[in-house]
Amino acid sequence: MVAKSDILTAANQIEQALGTLTPNAAPAKAHVFETDWGHLKAIIGSEGFKDVSLGARQQIVWDFLREKVPKDALAHLIAVYPMGLAEYDRRVTYQ
């Protein structure tokens, strides 16, 4: 079983890294959250993803994270959802 502090540390590391992602020179917004099973998912919004296929978006994000985030933190991330900024702003709400 993974300690809650390890999950929170990993989430913070991933979210901070994603905040520096600039696909096609456009800044990104990111939100990383824990699932019910102690894993993490990330939602990323950037105008840099406009006109980029979903598969290419995924590749950009995962390649970036592999360079910027320690492997032990990245091991908790099970999914990334890269989207345009307008879609991100429409879909992501904080409670």
N, C-alpha and C. Protein backbone atom coordinates (compact mmCIF):
# COMPACT_ATOMS: atom_id res chain seq x y z
N MET A 1 0.84 -1.17 0.00
CA MET A 1 0.00 0.00 0.00
C MET A 1 0.89 1.25 0.00
N VAL A 2 0.51 2.23 -0.77
CA VAL A 2 1.28 3.47 -0.90
C VAL A 2 0.75 4.49 0.10
N ALA A 3 1.66 5.18 0.75
CA ALA A 3 1.27 6.20 1.73
C ALA A 3 0.61 7.38 1.03
N LYS A 4 -0.37 7.96 1.69
CA LYS A 4 -1.09 9.12 1.16
C LYS A 4 -0.12 10.26 0.86
N SER A 5 0.89 10.44 1.70
CA SER A 5 1.86 11.51 1.47
C SER A 5 2.64 11.29 0.18
N ASP A 6 2.90 10.03 -0.17
CA ASP A 6 3.60 9.73 -1.42
C ASP A 6 2.75 10.12 -2.63
N ILE A 7 1.46 9.85 -2.55
CA ILE A 7 0.54 10.20 -3.64
C ILE A 7 0.47 11.72 -3.78
N LEU A 8 0.35 12.43 -2.67
CA LEU A 8 0.26 13.89 -2.72
C LEU A 8 1.55 14.51 -3.24
N THR A 9 2.69 13.96 -2.83
CA THR A 9 3.98 14.45 -3.33
C THR A 9 4.08 14.23 -4.83
N ALA A 10 3.69 13.06 -5.29
CA ALA A 10 3.73 12.75 -6.72
C ALA A 10 2.80 13.68 -7.48
N ALA A 11 1.59 13.91 -6.97
CA ALA A 11 0.63 14.80 -7.63
C ALA A 11 1.20 16.20 -7.76
N ASN A 12 1.83 16.69 -6.70
CA ASN A 12 2.43 18.03 -6.74
C ASN A 12 3.56 18.10 -7.75
N GLN A 13 4.42 17.09 -7.78
CA GLN A 13 5.53 17.08 -8.74
C GLN A 13 5.02 17.08 -10.17
N ILE A 14 4.02 16.27 -10.45
CA ILE A 14 3.47 16.17 -11.79
C ILE A 14 2.78 17.48 -12.19
N GLU A 15 1.97 18.04 -11.29
CA GLU A 15 1.25 19.27 -11.60
C GLU A 15 2.22 20.43 -11.82
N GLN A 16 3.27 20.53 -11.02
CA GLN A 16 4.26 21.58 -11.21
C GLN A 16 4.96 21.44 -12.54
N ALA A 17 5.32 20.22 -12.91
CA ALA A 17 5.99 20.00 -14.20
C ALA A 17 5.06 20.36 -15.35
N LEU A 18 3.81 19.91 -15.27
CA LEU A 18 2.87 20.20 -16.35
C LEU A 18 2.61 21.70 -16.49
N GLY A 19 2.75 22.44 -15.42
CA GLY A 19 2.59 23.89 -15.49
C GLY A 19 3.65 24.56 -16.34
N THR A 20 4.76 23.85 -16.58
CA THR A 20 5.83 24.41 -17.42
C THR A 20 5.78 23.88 -18.85
N LEU A 21 4.83 23.00 -19.13
CA LEU A 21 4.67 22.45 -20.48
C LEU A 21 4.20 23.56 -21.42
N THR A 22 4.85 23.70 -22.54
CA THR A 22 4.46 24.71 -23.53
C THR A 22 4.43 24.09 -24.92
N PRO A 23 3.40 23.28 -25.22
CA PRO A 23 3.31 22.69 -26.55
C PRO A 23 3.11 23.78 -27.60
N ASN A 24 3.91 23.73 -28.64
CA ASN A 24 3.86 24.74 -29.71
C ASN A 24 3.95 26.15 -29.14
N ALA A 25 4.75 26.31 -28.08
CA ALA A 25 5.04 27.60 -27.43
C ALA A 25 3.85 28.22 -26.70
N ALA A 26 2.77 27.47 -26.51
CA ALA A 26 1.61 27.98 -25.77
C ALA A 26 1.64 27.42 -24.35
N PRO A 27 1.44 28.27 -23.34
CA PRO A 27 1.45 27.77 -21.96
C PRO A 27 0.29 26.81 -21.69
N ALA A 28 0.45 26.01 -20.66
CA ALA A 28 -0.56 25.01 -20.31
C ALA A 28 -1.10 25.23 -18.90
N LYS A 29 -2.34 24.82 -18.70
CA LYS A 29 -2.94 24.72 -17.38
C LYS A 29 -3.05 23.23 -17.07
N ALA A 30 -2.92 22.87 -15.82
CA ALA A 30 -2.99 21.45 -15.48
C ALA A 30 -3.64 21.25 -14.11
N HIS A 31 -4.32 20.13 -14.02
CA HIS A 31 -4.92 19.71 -12.75
C HIS A 31 -4.66 18.21 -12.61
N VAL A 32 -4.06 17.83 -11.49
CA VAL A 32 -3.78 16.43 -11.21
C VAL A 32 -4.63 16.03 -10.00
N PHE A 33 -5.28 14.88 -10.11
CA PHE A 33 -6.15 14.45 -9.02
C PHE A 33 -6.02 12.96 -8.78
N GLU A 34 -6.39 12.56 -7.57
CA GLU A 34 -6.30 11.16 -7.17
C GLU A 34 -7.61 10.45 -7.48
N THR A 35 -7.51 9.22 -7.95
CA THR A 35 -8.68 8.40 -8.18
C THR A 35 -9.04 7.69 -6.89
N ASP A 36 -10.13 6.96 -6.91
CA ASP A 36 -10.56 6.20 -5.73
C ASP A 36 -9.56 5.12 -5.31
N TRP A 37 -8.70 4.72 -6.23
CA TRP A 37 -7.80 3.60 -5.97
C TRP A 37 -6.38 4.05 -5.68
N GLY A 38 -6.17 5.34 -5.42
CA GLY A 38 -4.84 5.81 -5.07
C GLY A 38 -3.93 6.06 -6.23
N HIS A 39 -4.48 6.15 -7.42
CA HIS A 39 -3.69 6.50 -8.59
C HIS A 39 -3.99 7.95 -8.95
N LEU A 40 -3.22 8.47 -9.91
CA LEU A 40 -3.40 9.86 -10.32
C LEU A 40 -3.81 9.95 -11.79
N LYS A 41 -4.57 10.99 -12.09
CA LYS A 41 -4.92 11.35 -13.46
C LYS A 41 -4.63 12.83 -13.63
N ALA A 42 -4.30 13.23 -14.84
CA ALA A 42 -3.98 14.64 -15.10
C ALA A 42 -4.80 15.14 -16.29
N ILE A 43 -5.30 16.36 -16.13
CA ILE A 43 -6.00 17.04 -17.22
C ILE A 43 -5.15 18.25 -17.57
N ILE A 44 -4.83 18.40 -18.85
CA ILE A 44 -3.97 19.47 -19.31
C ILE A 44 -4.67 20.25 -20.41
N GLY A 45 -4.68 21.56 -20.30
CA GLY A 45 -5.28 22.41 -21.31
C GLY A 45 -4.27 23.38 -21.87
N SER A 46 -4.21 23.50 -23.19
CA SER A 46 -3.29 24.43 -23.82
C SER A 46 -3.74 24.73 -25.25
N GLU A 47 -3.59 25.98 -25.65
CA GLU A 47 -3.87 26.33 -27.04
C GLU A 47 -2.87 25.64 -27.97
N GLY A 48 -1.75 25.20 -27.42
CA GLY A 48 -0.75 24.49 -28.20
C GLY A 48 -1.22 23.13 -28.70
N PHE A 49 -2.31 22.63 -28.14
CA PHE A 49 -2.87 21.35 -28.59
C PHE A 49 -3.87 21.52 -29.73
N LYS A 50 -4.20 22.76 -30.04
CA LYS A 50 -5.14 23.01 -31.13
C LYS A 50 -4.55 22.47 -32.43
N ASP A 51 -5.34 21.79 -33.20
CA ASP A 51 -4.92 21.20 -34.47
C ASP A 51 -3.87 20.08 -34.32
N VAL A 52 -3.77 19.50 -33.11
CA VAL A 52 -2.87 18.37 -32.87
C VAL A 52 -3.75 17.17 -32.54
N SER A 53 -3.47 16.03 -33.17
CA SER A 53 -4.29 14.84 -32.92
C SER A 53 -4.17 14.38 -31.47
N LEU A 54 -5.17 13.65 -31.02
CA LEU A 54 -5.17 13.16 -29.65
C LEU A 54 -3.94 12.29 -29.36
N GLY A 55 -3.60 11.43 -30.29
CA GLY A 55 -2.43 10.57 -30.10
C GLY A 55 -1.15 11.38 -29.97
N ALA A 56 -1.01 12.41 -30.80
CA ALA A 56 0.17 13.28 -30.72
C ALA A 56 0.19 14.06 -29.42
N ARG A 57 -0.97 14.51 -28.96
CA ARG A 57 -1.05 15.21 -27.67
C ARG A 57 -0.56 14.31 -26.55
N GLN A 58 -1.05 13.08 -26.55
CA GLN A 58 -0.64 12.11 -25.52
C GLN A 58 0.88 11.92 -25.55
N GLN A 59 1.41 11.77 -26.74
CA GLN A 59 2.86 11.55 -26.88
C GLN A 59 3.65 12.74 -26.36
N ILE A 60 3.20 13.95 -26.66
CA ILE A 60 3.86 15.17 -26.19
C ILE A 60 3.89 15.19 -24.66
N VAL A 61 2.75 14.92 -24.05
CA VAL A 61 2.66 14.99 -22.59
C VAL A 61 3.49 13.91 -21.92
N TRP A 62 3.37 12.66 -22.36
CA TRP A 62 4.12 11.58 -21.72
C TRP A 62 5.62 11.75 -21.92
N ASP A 63 6.05 12.15 -23.10
CA ASP A 63 7.49 12.38 -23.33
C ASP A 63 8.01 13.49 -22.41
N PHE A 64 7.23 14.56 -22.28
CA PHE A 64 7.60 15.66 -21.41
C PHE A 64 7.71 15.20 -19.96
N LEU A 65 6.72 14.48 -19.49
CA LEU A 65 6.73 14.02 -18.10
C LEU A 65 7.88 13.07 -17.81
N ARG A 66 8.22 12.22 -18.75
CA ARG A 66 9.34 11.29 -18.54
C ARG A 66 10.66 12.03 -18.34
N GLU A 67 10.77 13.20 -18.94
CA GLU A 67 11.99 14.02 -18.78
C GLU A 67 11.98 14.85 -17.50
N LYS A 68 10.81 15.24 -17.01
CA LYS A 68 10.71 16.23 -15.93
C LYS A 68 10.34 15.67 -14.56
N VAL A 69 9.76 14.49 -14.50
CA VAL A 69 9.24 13.97 -13.24
C VAL A 69 9.97 12.68 -12.87
N PRO A 70 10.36 12.54 -11.61
CA PRO A 70 11.01 11.29 -11.18
C PRO A 70 10.12 10.07 -11.45
N LYS A 71 10.76 8.97 -11.80
CA LYS A 71 10.01 7.75 -12.14
C LYS A 71 9.11 7.27 -11.01
N ASP A 72 9.55 7.40 -9.76
CA ASP A 72 8.72 6.92 -8.65
C ASP A 72 7.44 7.74 -8.51
N ALA A 73 7.48 9.01 -8.87
CA ALA A 73 6.27 9.84 -8.84
C ALA A 73 5.41 9.55 -10.06
N LEU A 74 6.04 9.40 -11.21
CA LEU A 74 5.31 9.16 -12.45
C LEU A 74 4.60 7.80 -12.44
N ALA A 75 5.10 6.87 -11.64
CA ALA A 75 4.49 5.54 -11.56
C ALA A 75 3.04 5.59 -11.05
N HIS A 76 2.67 6.66 -10.36
CA HIS A 76 1.31 6.80 -9.84
C HIS A 76 0.32 7.33 -10.88
N LEU A 77 0.83 7.90 -11.96
CA LEU A 77 -0.03 8.52 -12.98
C LEU A 77 -0.51 7.47 -13.97
N ILE A 78 -1.83 7.31 -14.06
CA ILE A 78 -2.36 6.28 -14.95
C ILE A 78 -3.01 6.84 -16.21
N ALA A 79 -3.27 8.16 -16.24
CA ALA A 79 -3.93 8.72 -17.42
C ALA A 79 -3.67 10.21 -17.53
N VAL A 80 -3.55 10.68 -18.77
CA VAL A 80 -3.47 12.11 -19.04
C VAL A 80 -4.54 12.44 -20.08
N TYR A 81 -5.14 13.61 -19.91
CA TYR A 81 -6.19 14.07 -20.80
C TYR A 81 -5.80 15.44 -21.35
N PRO A 82 -5.04 15.49 -22.45
CA PRO A 82 -4.66 16.78 -23.02
C PRO A 82 -5.77 17.31 -23.92
N MET A 83 -6.07 18.60 -23.78
CA MET A 83 -7.15 19.21 -24.57
C MET A 83 -6.85 20.67 -24.81
N GLY A 84 -7.62 21.27 -25.68
CA GLY A 84 -7.50 22.69 -25.93
C GLY A 84 -7.89 23.49 -24.70
N LEU A 85 -7.45 24.72 -24.63
CA LEU A 85 -7.69 25.56 -23.46
C LEU A 85 -9.17 25.83 -23.23
N ALA A 86 -9.93 26.07 -24.28
CA ALA A 86 -11.36 26.33 -24.13
C ALA A 86 -12.07 25.10 -23.56
N GLU A 87 -11.71 23.91 -24.05
CA GLU A 87 -12.31 22.69 -23.52
C GLU A 87 -11.92 22.49 -22.06
N TYR A 88 -10.67 22.74 -21.73
CA TYR A 88 -10.20 22.63 -20.35
C TYR A 88 -11.02 23.55 -19.44
N ASP A 89 -11.14 24.80 -19.84
CA ASP A 89 -11.87 25.77 -19.02
C ASP A 89 -13.35 25.37 -18.87
N ARG A 90 -13.91 24.73 -19.88
CA ARG A 90 -15.30 24.29 -19.84
C ARG A 90 -15.48 23.08 -18.93
N ARG A 91 -14.51 22.18 -18.94
CA ARG A 91 -14.66 20.90 -18.25
C ARG A 91 -14.12 20.85 -16.83
N VAL A 92 -13.09 21.63 -16.54
CA VAL A 92 -12.43 21.53 -15.24
C VAL A 92 -13.05 22.53 -14.28
N THR A 93 -13.62 21.99 -13.21
CA THR A 93 -14.18 22.83 -12.15
C THR A 93 -13.56 22.38 -10.85
N TYR A 94 -13.31 23.31 -9.98
CA TYR A 94 -12.75 23.01 -8.67
C TYR A 94 -13.83 23.13 -7.63
N GLN A 95 -13.86 22.19 -6.73
CA GLN A 95 -14.88 22.21 -5.68
C GLN A 95 -14.27 22.60 -4.36
